Amino acid sequence: MLTFQILPYVDLVVGSGGTICREAALMGIPTINFHFWDTVAKYLKRKRFPITHLMDSQKIIKLTKKILKNVEKYKINMVKARNKLKSPTEVTANYIEKFV
């Protein structure tokens, strides 16, 4: 089974900041990122996708419990927000051309 097949059934993702965190946030699933807080994660947060960066384990546990007690409050329909995002293809191609 692939990640995108499982994510619709997930209430919360707690991860180290890799692809699963980005995919979950893009789908409106509350996400706690405890390690890598890169440009993509920061961008998603600015665009109001449900992704949070926490490194303190006690704060992670506290927020996890809070979210799981009221999942409907934290899961967000992000279809409209996703549709407003630009394709990264042009930006990536420009970046590659700049350094090649």
C-alpha atoms as a PDB file:
ATOM      1  CA  MET A   1       0.000   0.000   0.000  1.00  0.00           C
ATOM      2  CA  LEU A   2       1.250   3.478  -0.837  1.00  0.00           C
ATOM      3  CA  THR A   3       1.281   6.500   1.459  1.00  0.00           C
ATOM      4  CA  PHE A   4      -1.384   8.416  -0.470  1.00  0.00           C
ATOM      5  CA  GLN A   5      -3.687   5.407  -0.092  1.00  0.00           C
ATOM      6  CA  ILE A   6      -3.272   5.312   3.694  1.00  0.00           C
ATOM      7  CA  LEU A   7      -3.348   9.038   4.493  1.00  0.00           C
ATOM      8  CA  PRO A   8      -7.118   9.545   4.050  1.00  0.00           C
ATOM      9  CA  TYR A   9      -7.602   7.199   7.032  1.00  0.00           C
ATOM     10  CA  VAL A  10      -5.060   8.947   9.271  1.00  0.00           C
ATOM     11  CA  ASP A  11      -6.064  11.469  11.953  1.00  0.00           C
ATOM     12  CA  LEU A  12      -2.586  12.790  12.758  1.00  0.00           C
ATOM     13  CA  VAL A  13       0.974  12.477  11.487  1.00  0.00           C
ATOM     14  CA  VAL A  14       3.982  12.872  13.770  1.00  0.00           C
ATOM     15  CA  GLY A  15       7.161  12.666  11.755  1.00  0.00           C
ATOM     16  CA  SER A  16      10.691  13.894  11.313  1.00  0.00           C
ATOM     17  CA  GLY A  17       9.827  16.291   8.514  1.00  0.00           C
ATOM     18  CA  GLY A  18      10.140  14.157   5.437  1.00  0.00           C
ATOM     19  CA  THR A  19       7.757  13.619   2.573  1.00  0.00           C
ATOM     20  CA  ILE A  20       5.029  12.104   4.747  1.00  0.00           C
ATOM     21  CA  CYS A  21       4.758  15.324   6.755  1.00  0.00           C
ATOM     22  CA  ARG A  22       4.383  17.441   3.634  1.00  0.00           C
ATOM     23  CA  GLU A  23       1.892  15.069   2.021  1.00  0.00           C
ATOM     24  CA  ALA A  24      -0.232  14.877   5.165  1.00  0.00           C
ATOM     25  CA  ALA A  25      -0.313  18.653   5.611  1.00  0.00           C
ATOM     26  CA  LEU A  26      -1.227  19.117   1.944  1.00  0.00           C
ATOM     27  CA  MET A  27      -4.155  16.753   2.514  1.00  0.00           C
ATOM     28  CA  GLY A  28      -5.310  18.728   5.566  1.00  0.00           C
ATOM     29  CA  ILE A  29      -4.180  16.161   8.118  1.00  0.00           C
ATOM     30  CA  PRO A  30      -2.741  17.705  11.282  1.00  0.00           C
ATOM     31  CA  THR A  31       1.003  17.191  11.228  1.00  0.00           C
ATOM     32  CA  ILE A  32       3.629  17.543  13.918  1.00  0.00           C
ATOM     33  CA  ASN A  33       7.116  17.788  12.494  1.00  0.00           C
ATOM     34  CA  PHE A  34       9.805  17.161  15.121  1.00  0.00           C
ATOM     35  CA  HIS A  35      13.036  17.371  13.164  1.00  0.00           C
ATOM     36  CA  PHE A  36      13.596  18.986   9.768  1.00  0.00           C
ATOM     37  CA  TRP A  37      11.880  22.372   9.451  1.00  0.00           C
ATOM     38  CA  ASP A  38      12.873  23.250   5.915  1.00  0.00           C
ATOM     39  CA  THR A  39      11.731  25.798   3.373  1.00  0.00           C
ATOM     40  CA  VAL A  40       8.860  23.618   2.145  1.00  0.00           C
ATOM     41  CA  ALA A  41       7.479  23.045   5.647  1.00  0.00           C
ATOM     42  CA  LYS A  42       7.742  26.758   6.449  1.00  0.00           C
ATOM     43  CA  TYR A  43       5.982  27.584   3.177  1.00  0.00           C
ATOM     44  CA  LEU A  44       3.125  25.202   3.968  1.00  0.00           C
ATOM     45  CA  LYS A  45       2.763  26.727   7.428  1.00  0.00           C
ATOM     46  CA  ARG A  46       2.620  30.242   5.929  1.00  0.00           C
ATOM     47  CA  LYS A  47      -0.100  29.029   3.547  1.00  0.00           C
ATOM     48  CA  ARG A  48      -2.079  27.783   6.578  1.00  0.00           C
ATOM     49  CA  PHE A  49      -1.650  24.069   6.003  1.00  0.00           C
ATOM     50  CA  PRO A  50      -1.913  22.156   9.304  1.00  0.00           C
ATOM     51  CA  ILE A  51       1.769  21.591  10.017  1.00  0.00           C
ATOM     52  CA  THR A  52       3.534  22.437  13.268  1.00  0.00           C
ATOM     53  CA  HIS A  53       7.177  22.220  14.255  1.00  0.00           C
ATOM     54  CA  LEU A  54       7.842  21.001  17.797  1.00  0.00           C
ATOM     55  CA  MET A  55      11.009  19.444  19.167  1.00  0.00           C
ATOM     56  CA  ASP A  56      10.088  19.086  22.842  1.00  0.00           C
ATOM     57  CA  SER A  57       8.674  15.602  23.432  1.00  0.00           C
ATOM     58  CA  GLN A  58       6.315  16.742  26.198  1.00  0.00           C
ATOM     59  CA  LYS A  59       4.846  19.432  23.928  1.00  0.00           C
ATOM     60  CA  ILE A  60       4.465  16.860  21.142  1.00  0.00           C
ATOM     61  CA  ILE A  61       2.582  14.506  23.480  1.00  0.00           C
ATOM     62  CA  LYS A  62       0.370  17.319  24.779  1.00  0.00           C
ATOM     63  CA  LEU A  63      -0.551  18.527  21.271  1.00  0.00           C
ATOM     64  CA  THR A  64      -1.065  14.955  20.053  1.00  0.00           C
ATOM     65  CA  LYS A  65      -3.584  14.288  22.825  1.00  0.00           C
ATOM     66  CA  LYS A  66      -5.345  17.588  22.134  1.00  0.00           C
ATOM     67  CA  ILE A  67      -5.685  16.840  18.418  1.00  0.00           C
ATOM     68  CA  LEU A  68      -6.825  13.252  18.890  1.00  0.00           C
ATOM     69  CA  LYS A  69      -9.544  14.318  21.345  1.00  0.00           C
ATOM     70  CA  ASN A  70     -11.135  16.523  18.683  1.00  0.00           C
ATOM     71  CA  VAL A  71      -9.865  15.432  15.264  1.00  0.00           C
ATOM     72  CA  GLU A  72     -12.687  17.146  13.363  1.00  0.00           C
ATOM     73  CA  LYS A  73     -11.483  20.511  14.660  1.00  0.00           C
ATOM     74  CA  TYR A  74      -7.948  19.973  13.366  1.00  0.00           C
ATOM     75  CA  LYS A  75      -8.493  18.139  10.072  1.00  0.00           C
ATOM     76  CA  ILE A  76      -8.968  20.730   7.354  1.00  0.00           C
ATOM     77  CA  ASN A  77     -10.267  20.506   3.798  1.00  0.00           C
ATOM     78  CA  MET A  78      -7.294  21.930   1.897  1.00  0.00           C
ATOM     79  CA  VAL A  79      -8.509  21.353  -1.673  1.00  0.00           C
ATOM     80  CA  LYS A  80      -8.964  25.068  -2.445  1.00  0.00           C
ATOM     81  CA  ALA A  81      -5.628  25.971  -0.854  1.00  0.00           C
ATOM     82  CA  ARG A  82      -3.863  23.173  -2.774  1.00  0.00           C
ATOM     83  CA  ASN A  83      -5.396  24.347  -6.035  1.00  0.00           C
ATOM     84  CA  LYS A  84      -3.948  27.830  -5.462  1.00  0.00           C
ATOM     85  CA  LEU A  85      -0.392  26.510  -5.184  1.00  0.00           C
ATOM     86  CA  LYS A  86       1.892  27.009  -8.136  1.00  0.00           C
ATOM     87  CA  SER A  87       3.630  24.083  -9.719  1.00  0.00           C
ATOM     88  CA  PRO A  88       7.221  23.819  -8.495  1.00  0.00           C
ATOM     89  CA  THR A  89       8.408  22.753 -11.947  1.00  0.00           C
ATOM     90  CA  GLU A  90       9.211  26.241 -13.238  1.00  0.00           C
ATOM     91  CA  VAL A  91      10.955  27.321 -10.046  1.00  0.00           C
ATOM     92  CA  THR A  92      12.974  24.111  -9.967  1.00  0.00           C
ATOM     93  CA  ALA A  93      13.955  24.395 -13.639  1.00  0.00           C
ATOM     94  CA  ASN A  94      15.059  28.017 -13.149  1.00  0.00           C
ATOM     95  CA  TYR A  95      17.108  27.023 -10.117  1.00  0.00           C
ATOM     96  CA  ILE A  96      18.814  24.203 -12.030  1.00  0.00           C
ATOM     97  CA  GLU A  97      19.583  26.467 -15.004  1.00  0.00           C
ATOM     98  CA  LYS A  98      21.084  29.045 -12.661  1.00  0.00           C
ATOM     99  CA  PHE A  99      23.647  26.571 -11.322  1.00  0.00           C
ATOM    100  CA  VAL A 100      24.399  24.473 -14.404  1.00  0.00           C
END
